[in-house]
């Protein structure tokens, strides 16, 4: 009984992680400017990868692999937003202008 519950939760986490990762990939293709794409990749990418790592942690019986997954998850959650912020800051410094939705919608 407990095994089937863990399998169901794992399947849900894997599907949710894959769906969020797909949405992040579509955001990279569809969003209009660099800053929006950075936001999509960092936020949804972190959530999607995190859910997939948690699903792997539920399925493994190996303690070393579980710890590696946990360390990877913590590292990714801590570094992805910082990397996205630094990338956006560098883009702004290089002259990239954010998309002004107010001007775009009023035209």
Protein backbone atom coordinates (compact mmCIF):
# COMPACT_ATOMS: atom_id res chain seq x y z
CA UNK A 1 0.00 0.00 0.00
CA UNK A 2 2.74 2.46 0.96
CA UNK A 3 4.71 1.57 -2.17
CA UNK A 4 1.79 2.39 -4.43
CA UNK A 5 1.29 5.74 -2.68
CA UNK A 6 4.98 6.59 -3.11
CA UNK A 7 4.79 5.55 -6.77
CA UNK A 8 1.72 7.74 -7.32
CA UNK A 9 3.35 10.75 -5.64
CA UNK A 10 6.52 10.17 -7.64
CA UNK A 11 4.57 9.96 -10.89
CA UNK A 12 2.73 13.18 -10.05
CA UNK A 13 5.98 14.99 -9.20
CA UNK A 14 7.64 13.76 -12.40
CA UNK A 15 4.71 14.84 -14.56
CA UNK A 16 4.48 18.21 -12.82
CA UNK A 17 8.23 18.75 -13.13
CA UNK A 18 8.21 17.82 -16.80
CA UNK A 19 5.24 20.09 -17.48
CA UNK A 20 6.83 23.04 -15.69
CA UNK A 21 10.09 22.44 -17.57
CA UNK A 22 8.15 22.37 -20.85
CA UNK A 23 6.46 25.65 -19.95
CA UNK A 24 9.89 27.15 -19.20
CA UNK A 25 11.17 25.99 -22.59
CA UNK A 26 8.14 27.46 -24.35
CA UNK A 27 8.72 30.69 -22.45
CA UNK A 28 12.24 30.84 -23.83
CA UNK A 29 10.84 30.56 -27.34
CA UNK A 30 7.78 32.78 -27.02
CA UNK A 31 8.67 35.65 -24.70
CA UNK A 32 9.68 38.87 -26.45
CA UNK A 33 12.78 40.12 -24.66
CA UNK A 34 15.85 38.86 -22.84
CA UNK A 35 14.66 39.86 -19.39
CA UNK A 36 11.37 37.98 -19.75
CA UNK A 37 13.19 34.93 -21.04
CA UNK A 38 15.58 35.04 -18.11
CA UNK A 39 12.63 35.14 -15.72
CA UNK A 40 11.00 32.15 -17.41
CA UNK A 41 14.15 30.07 -17.40
CA UNK A 42 15.10 30.76 -13.80
CA UNK A 43 11.72 30.48 -12.09
CA UNK A 44 10.11 27.64 -13.98
CA UNK A 45 13.40 25.85 -14.55
CA UNK A 46 14.13 25.81 -10.84
CA UNK A 47 10.66 24.52 -9.98
CA UNK A 48 10.68 21.86 -12.71
CA UNK A 49 14.12 20.55 -11.87
CA UNK A 50 13.34 20.66 -8.18
CA UNK A 51 10.24 18.53 -8.58
CA UNK A 52 12.14 16.00 -10.68
CA UNK A 53 14.90 15.79 -8.07
CA UNK A 54 12.36 15.31 -5.28
CA UNK A 55 10.73 12.51 -7.30
CA UNK A 56 14.13 10.84 -7.65
CA UNK A 57 14.74 11.22 -3.91
CA UNK A 58 11.45 9.42 -3.21
CA UNK A 59 12.40 6.50 -5.45
CA UNK A 60 15.97 5.85 -4.43
CA UNK A 61 16.98 3.56 -1.60
CA UNK A 62 20.63 4.58 -1.85
CA UNK A 63 21.54 7.07 0.89
CA UNK A 64 24.49 8.49 -1.04
CA UNK A 65 22.32 9.20 -4.09
CA UNK A 66 19.64 10.74 -1.86
CA UNK A 67 22.20 13.10 -0.30
CA UNK A 68 23.58 14.01 -3.74
CA UNK A 69 20.06 14.84 -4.93
CA UNK A 70 19.45 16.97 -1.85
CA UNK A 71 22.72 18.85 -2.25
CA UNK A 72 22.00 19.39 -5.95
CA UNK A 73 18.51 20.66 -5.16
CA UNK A 74 19.75 23.10 -2.52
CA UNK A 75 22.57 24.30 -4.79
CA UNK A 76 20.20 24.82 -7.72
CA UNK A 77 17.58 26.63 -5.64
CA UNK A 78 20.23 28.95 -4.20
CA UNK A 79 22.20 29.67 -7.38
CA UNK A 80 19.63 29.83 -10.19
CA UNK A 81 17.91 33.05 -9.00
CA UNK A 82 21.28 34.69 -8.34
CA UNK A 83 22.55 33.73 -11.79
CA UNK A 84 19.36 35.06 -13.42
CA UNK A 85 19.68 38.33 -11.50
CA UNK A 86 23.31 38.77 -12.55
CA UNK A 87 22.46 37.96 -16.17
CA UNK A 88 19.64 40.51 -16.18
CA UNK A 89 21.87 43.11 -14.53
CA UNK A 90 24.58 42.54 -17.15
CA UNK A 91 22.02 42.80 -19.95
CA UNK A 92 20.73 46.11 -18.60
CA UNK A 93 24.28 47.41 -18.28
CA UNK A 94 24.99 46.36 -21.88
CA UNK A 95 22.03 48.43 -23.10
CA UNK A 96 19.21 45.89 -23.26
CA UNK A 97 15.94 47.72 -22.65
CA UNK A 98 13.03 46.04 -20.88
CA UNK A 99 9.85 45.74 -22.91
CA UNK A 100 7.43 48.54 -22.03
CA UNK A 101 4.01 46.90 -22.12
CA UNK A 102 2.15 50.17 -21.53
CA UNK A 103 3.54 51.75 -24.71
CA UNK A 104 3.05 48.52 -26.66
CA UNK A 105 -0.64 48.18 -25.68
CA UNK A 106 -1.53 51.85 -26.22
CA UNK A 107 -0.27 51.89 -29.83
